[in-house]
PDB file of all heavy atoms in Angstrom:
ATOM      1  N   THR A   1      91.933  93.140  89.335  1.00  0.00           N
ATOM      2  CA  THR A   1      92.683  92.702  90.519  1.00  0.00           C
ATOM      3  C   THR A   1      94.009  93.436  90.623  1.00  0.00           C
ATOM      4  O   THR A   1      94.433  93.863  91.703  1.00  0.00           O
ATOM      5  CB  THR A   1      92.937  91.193  90.464  1.00  0.00           C
ATOM      6  OG1 THR A   1      91.683  90.527  90.342  1.00  0.00           O
ATOM      7  CG2 THR A   1      93.636  90.720  91.737  1.00  0.00           C
ATOM      8  N   ASN A   2      94.677  93.607  89.478  1.00  0.00           N
ATOM      9  CA  ASN A   2      95.957  94.291  89.464  1.00  0.00           C
ATOM     10  C   ASN A   2      95.812  95.753  89.845  1.00  0.00           C
ATOM     11  O   ASN A   2      96.640  96.309  90.576  1.00  0.00           O
ATOM     12  CB  ASN A   2      96.592  94.161  88.072  1.00  0.00           C
ATOM     13  CG  ASN A   2      98.000  94.748  88.040  1.00  0.00           C
ATOM     14  OD1 ASN A   2      98.859  94.296  88.771  1.00  0.00           O
ATOM     15  ND2 ASN A   2      98.198  95.736  87.189  1.00  0.00           N
ATOM     16  N   VAL A   3      94.735  96.396  89.334  1.00  0.00           N
ATOM     17  CA  VAL A   3      94.494  97.792  89.687  1.00  0.00           C
ATOM     18  C   VAL A   3      94.219  97.929  91.170  1.00  0.00           C
ATOM     19  O   VAL A   3      94.711  98.822  91.859  1.00  0.00           O
ATOM     20  CB  VAL A   3      93.310  98.350  88.865  1.00  0.00           C
ATOM     21  CG1 VAL A   3      92.909  99.720  89.384  1.00  0.00           C
ATOM     22  CG2 VAL A   3      93.698  98.427  87.388  1.00  0.00           C
ATOM     23  N   SER A   4      93.416  96.957  91.714  1.00  0.00           N
ATOM     24  CA  SER A   4      93.140  96.967  93.155  1.00  0.00           C
ATOM     25  C   SER A   4      94.409  96.775  93.965  1.00  0.00           C
ATOM     26  O   SER A   4      94.632  97.438  94.971  1.00  0.00           O
ATOM     27  CB  SER A   4      92.137  95.860  93.492  1.00  0.00           C
ATOM     28  OG  SER A   4      91.898  95.797  94.870  1.00  0.00           O
ATOM     29  N   ALA A   5      95.279  95.851  93.486  1.00  0.00           N
ATOM     30  CA  ALA A   5      96.560  95.627  94.173  1.00  0.00           C
ATOM     31  C   ALA A   5      97.436  96.855  94.095  1.00  0.00           C
ATOM     32  O   ALA A   5      98.137  97.207  95.042  1.00  0.00           O
ATOM     33  CB  ALA A   5      97.262  94.415  93.563  1.00  0.00           C
ATOM     34  N   GLN A   6      97.379  97.532  92.917  1.00  0.00           N
ATOM     35  CA  GLN A   6      98.196  98.738  92.767  1.00  0.00           C
ATOM     36  C   GLN A   6      97.721  99.825  93.720  1.00  0.00           C
ATOM     37  O   GLN A   6      98.517 100.573  94.274  1.00  0.00           O
ATOM     38  CB  GLN A   6      98.106  99.232  91.305  1.00  0.00           C
ATOM     39  CG  GLN A   6      99.059 100.385  91.005  1.00  0.00           C
ATOM     40  CD  GLN A   6     100.513  99.968  91.131  1.00  0.00           C
ATOM     41  OE1 GLN A   6     100.871  98.853  90.805  1.00  0.00           O
ATOM     42  NE2 GLN A   6     101.347 100.869  91.622  1.00  0.00           N
ATOM     43  N   ASP A   7      96.362  99.901  93.910  1.00  0.00           N
ATOM     44  CA  ASP A   7      95.838 100.886  94.845  1.00  0.00           C
ATOM     45  C   ASP A   7      96.356 100.604  96.247  1.00  0.00           C
ATOM     46  O   ASP A   7      96.679 101.508  97.012  1.00  0.00           O
ATOM     47  CB  ASP A   7      94.298 100.854  94.850  1.00  0.00           C
ATOM     48  CG  ASP A   7      93.730 101.422  93.551  1.00  0.00           C
ATOM     49  OD1 ASP A   7      94.476 102.148  92.869  1.00  0.00           O
ATOM     50  OD2 ASP A   7      92.569 101.124  93.228  1.00  0.00           O
ATOM     51  N   LYS A   8      96.449  99.291  96.596  1.00  0.00           N
ATOM     52  CA  LYS A   8      96.967  98.942  97.916  1.00  0.00           C
ATOM     53  C   LYS A   8      98.444  99.292  98.015  1.00  0.00           C
ATOM     54  O   LYS A   8      98.925  99.715  99.063  1.00  0.00           O
ATOM     55  CB  LYS A   8      96.762  97.443  98.167  1.00  0.00           C
ATOM     56  CG  LYS A   8      95.301  97.065  98.391  1.00  0.00           C
ATOM     57  CD  LYS A   8      95.167  95.585  98.715  1.00  0.00           C
ATOM     58  CE  LYS A   8      93.706  95.217  98.981  1.00  0.00           C
ATOM     59  NZ  LYS A   8      93.564  93.791  99.311  1.00  0.00           N
ATOM     60  N   LYS A   9      99.164  99.116  96.890  1.00  0.00           N
ATOM     61  CA  LYS A   9     100.583  99.428  96.915  1.00  0.00           C
ATOM     62  C   LYS A   9     100.819 100.918  97.105  1.00  0.00           C
ATOM     63  O   LYS A   9     101.824 101.341  97.634  1.00  0.00           O
ATOM     64  CB  LYS A   9     101.249  98.965  95.616  1.00  0.00           C
ATOM     65  CG  LYS A   9     101.395  97.451  95.520  1.00  0.00           C
ATOM     66  CD  LYS A   9     102.120  97.071  94.241  1.00  0.00           C
ATOM     67  CE  LYS A   9     102.272  95.553  94.137  1.00  0.00           C
ATOM     68  NZ  LYS A   9     102.990  95.158  92.910  1.00  0.00           N
ATOM     69  N   ASP A  10      99.867 101.733  96.632  1.00  0.00           N
ATOM     70  CA  ASP A  10     100.023 103.167  96.715  1.00  0.00           C
ATOM     71  C   ASP A  10      99.391 103.751  97.960  1.00  0.00           C
ATOM     72  O   ASP A  10      99.172 104.952  98.044  1.00  0.00           O
ATOM     73  CB  ASP A  10      99.410 103.833  95.455  1.00  0.00           C
ATOM     74  CG  ASP A  10     100.208 103.489  94.215  1.00  0.00           C
ATOM     75  OD1 ASP A  10     101.410 103.190  94.345  1.00  0.00           O
ATOM     76  OD2 ASP A  10      99.632 103.525  93.109  1.00  0.00           O
ATOM     77  N   MET A  11      99.064 102.910  98.953  1.00  0.00           N
ATOM     78  CA  MET A  11      98.456 103.401 100.176  1.00  0.00           C
ATOM     79  C   MET A  11      99.451 104.250 100.960  1.00  0.00           C
ATOM     80  O   MET A  11     100.648 104.013 100.930  1.00  0.00           O
ATOM     81  CB  MET A  11      97.978 102.234 101.041  1.00  0.00           C
ATOM     82  CG  MET A  11      96.721 101.544 100.551  1.00  0.00           C
ATOM     83  SD  MET A  11      96.055 100.427 101.808  1.00  0.00           S
ATOM     84  CE  MET A  11      97.473  99.407 102.155  1.00  0.00           C
ATOM     85  N   PHE A  12      98.904 105.228 101.683  1.00  0.00           N
ATOM     86  CA  PHE A  12      99.704 106.051 102.577  1.00  0.00           C
ATOM     87  C   PHE A  12     100.123 105.197 103.755  1.00  0.00           C
ATOM     88  O   PHE A  12      99.291 104.748 104.544  1.00  0.00           O
ATOM     89  CB  PHE A  12      98.879 107.254 103.026  1.00  0.00           C
ATOM     90  CG  PHE A  12      99.657 108.238 103.851  1.00  0.00           C
ATOM     91  CD1 PHE A  12     100.645 109.023 103.281  1.00  0.00           C
ATOM     92  CD2 PHE A  12      99.404 108.375 105.205  1.00  0.00           C
ATOM     93  CE1 PHE A  12     101.356 109.929 104.054  1.00  0.00           C
ATOM     94  CE2 PHE A  12     100.119 109.279 105.975  1.00  0.00           C
ATOM     95  CZ  PHE A  12     101.091 110.066 105.391  1.00  0.00           C
ATOM     96  N   ASN A  13     101.418 104.966 103.906  1.00  0.00           N
ATOM     97  CA  ASN A  13     101.921 104.050 104.926  1.00  0.00           C
ATOM     98  C   ASN A  13     103.254 104.556 105.477  1.00  0.00           C
ATOM     99  O   ASN A  13     104.304 103.978 105.219  1.00  0.00           O
ATOM    100  CB  ASN A  13     102.075 102.643 104.335  1.00  0.00           C
ATOM    101  CG  ASN A  13     102.427 101.613 105.389  1.00  0.00           C
ATOM    102  OD1 ASN A  13     102.110 101.772 106.569  1.00  0.00           O
ATOM    103  ND2 ASN A  13     103.108 100.548 104.979  1.00  0.00           N
ATOM    104  N   PRO A  14     103.237 105.652 106.232  1.00  0.00           N
ATOM    105  CA  PRO A  14     104.492 106.215 106.735  1.00  0.00           C
ATOM    106  C   PRO A  14     105.111 105.367 107.826  1.00  0.00           C
ATOM    107  O   PRO A  14     104.452 104.528 108.446  1.00  0.00           O
ATOM    108  CB  PRO A  14     104.051 107.584 107.286  1.00  0.00           C
ATOM    109  CG  PRO A  14     102.624 107.374 107.683  1.00  0.00           C
ATOM    110  CD  PRO A  14     102.060 106.411 106.679  1.00  0.00           C
ATOM    111  N   VAL A  15     106.404 105.584 108.060  1.00  0.00           N
ATOM    112  CA  VAL A  15     107.117 104.925 109.157  1.00  0.00           C
ATOM    113  C   VAL A  15     106.868 105.740 110.424  1.00  0.00           C
ATOM    114  O   VAL A  15     107.182 106.919 110.482  1.00  0.00           O
ATOM    115  CB  VAL A  15     108.628 104.822 108.860  1.00  0.00           C
ATOM    116  CG1 VAL A  15     109.342 104.166 110.031  1.00  0.00           C
ATOM    117  CG2 VAL A  15     108.864 104.044 107.580  1.00  0.00           C
ATOM    118  N   ASN A  16     106.302 105.094 111.442  1.00  0.00           N
ATOM    119  CA  ASN A  16     105.911 105.795 112.671  1.00  0.00           C
ATOM    120  C   ASN A  16     107.001 105.684 113.738  1.00  0.00           C
ATOM    121  O   ASN A  16     107.550 104.608 113.954  1.00  0.00           O
ATOM    122  CB  ASN A  16     104.601 105.217 113.214  1.00  0.00           C
ATOM    123  CG  ASN A  16     103.451 105.376 112.253  1.00  0.00           C
ATOM    124  OD1 ASN A  16     103.261 106.448 111.694  1.00  0.00           O
ATOM    125  ND2 ASN A  16     102.673 104.321 112.052  1.00  0.00           N
ATOM    126  N   THR A  17     107.295 106.802 114.391  1.00  0.00           N
ATOM    127  CA  THR A  17     108.219 106.819 115.519  1.00  0.00           C
ATOM    128  C   THR A  17     107.687 107.765 116.591  1.00  0.00           C
ATOM    129  O   THR A  17     106.807 108.590 116.336  1.00  0.00           O
ATOM    130  CB  THR A  17     109.626 107.291 115.109  1.00  0.00           C
ATOM    131  OG1 THR A  17     109.579 108.697 114.803  1.00  0.00           O
ATOM    132  CG2 THR A  17     110.148 106.523 113.911  1.00  0.00           C
ATOM    133  N   SER A  18     108.236 107.639 117.767  1.00  0.00           N
ATOM    134  CA  SER A  18     107.974 108.616 118.820  1.00  0.00           C
ATOM    135  C   SER A  18     109.047 109.711 118.724  1.00  0.00           C
ATOM    136  O   SER A  18     109.943 109.655 117.883  1.00  0.00           O
ATOM    137  CB  SER A  18     108.015 107.944 120.187  1.00  0.00           C
ATOM    138  OG  SER A  18     109.283 107.343 120.385  1.00  0.00           O
ATOM    139  N   VAL A  19     108.954 110.714 119.608  1.00  0.00           N
ATOM    140  CA  VAL A  19     109.896 111.846 119.663  1.00  0.00           C
ATOM    141  C   VAL A  19     110.355 112.283 118.261  1.00  0.00           C
ATOM    142  O   VAL A  19     111.547 112.350 117.963  1.00  0.00           O
ATOM    143  CB  VAL A  19     111.106 111.564 120.576  1.00  0.00           C
ATOM    144  CG1 VAL A  19     110.692 111.594 122.021  1.00  0.00           C
ATOM    145  CG2 VAL A  19     111.783 110.232 120.276  1.00  0.00           C
ATOM    146  N   THR A  20     109.399 112.576 117.415  1.00  0.00           N
ATOM    147  CA  THR A  20     109.701 112.962 116.031  1.00  0.00           C
ATOM    148  C   THR A  20     110.453 114.288 115.932  1.00  0.00           C
ATOM    149  O   THR A  20     111.027 114.597 114.886  1.00  0.00           O
ATOM    150  CB  THR A  20     108.411 113.063 115.198  1.00  0.00           C
ATOM    151  OG1 THR A  20     107.495 113.955 115.856  1.00  0.00           O
ATOM    152  CG2 THR A  20     107.758 111.705 115.069  1.00  0.00           C
ATOM    153  N   SER A  21     110.467 115.062 117.014  1.00  0.00           N
ATOM    154  CA  SER A  21     111.204 116.319 116.987  1.00  0.00           C
ATOM    155  C   SER A  21     112.699 116.091 116.781  1.00  0.00           C
ATOM    156  O   SER A  21     113.421 117.007 116.379  1.00  0.00           O
ATOM    157  CB  SER A  21     110.978 117.092 118.289  1.00  0.00           C
ATOM    158  OG  SER A  21     111.457 116.365 119.412  1.00  0.00           O
ATOM    159  N   GLN A  22     113.181 114.870 117.052  1.00  0.00           N
ATOM    160  CA  GLN A  22     114.603 114.572 116.846  1.00  0.00           C
ATOM    161  C   GLN A  22     114.984 114.594 115.360  1.00  0.00           C
ATOM    162  O   GLN A  22     116.162 114.660 115.035  1.00  0.00           O
ATOM    163  CB  GLN A  22     114.927 113.189 117.429  1.00  0.00           C
ATOM    164  CG  GLN A  22     114.895 113.115 118.937  1.00  0.00           C
ATOM    165  CD  GLN A  22     116.040 113.874 119.565  1.00  0.00           C
ATOM    166  OE1 GLN A  22     117.200 113.750 119.175  1.00  0.00           O
ATOM    167  NE2 GLN A  22     115.731 114.695 120.558  1.00  0.00           N
ATOM    168  N   THR A  23     114.008 114.526 114.479  1.00  0.00           N
ATOM    169  CA  THR A  23     114.297 114.494 113.046  1.00  0.00           C
ATOM    170  C   THR A  23     114.231 115.870 112.404  1.00  0.00           C
ATOM    171  O   THR A  23     114.483 116.002 111.195  1.00  0.00           O
ATOM    172  CB  THR A  23     113.304 113.570 112.318  1.00  0.00           C
ATOM    173  OG1 THR A  23     111.974 114.103 112.432  1.00  0.00           O
ATOM    174  CG2 THR A  23     113.333 112.165 112.915  1.00  0.00           C
ATOM    175  N   ILE A  24     113.908 116.904 113.161  1.00  0.00           N
ATOM    176  CA  ILE A  24     113.791 118.251 112.601  1.00  0.00           C
ATOM    177  C   ILE A  24     115.173 118.887 112.490  1.00  0.00           C
ATOM    178  O   ILE A  24     115.924 118.946 113.460  1.00  0.00           O
ATOM    179  CB  ILE A  24     112.887 119.144 113.483  1.00  0.00           C
ATOM    180  CG1 ILE A  24     111.496 118.523 113.608  1.00  0.00           C
ATOM    181  CG2 ILE A  24     112.789 120.545 112.906  1.00  0.00           C
ATOM    182  CD1 ILE A  24     110.593 119.259 114.575  1.00  0.00           C
ATOM    183  N   ALA A  25     115.520 119.351 111.281  1.00  0.00           N
ATOM    184  CA  ALA A  25     116.797 120.033 111.086  1.00  0.00           C
ATOM    185  C   ALA A  25     116.814 121.313 111.923  1.00  0.00           C
ATOM    186  O   ALA A  25     115.937 122.164 111.767  1.00  0.00           O
ATOM    187  CB  ALA A  25     117.001 120.366 109.612  1.00  0.00           C
TER     188      ALA A  25
END
């Protein structure tokens, strides 16, 4: 169960926004 929970914790979960070009240096 802990390994399964750890797999969930390590899921790819980025913060989504619109107009992402505003973050480009």
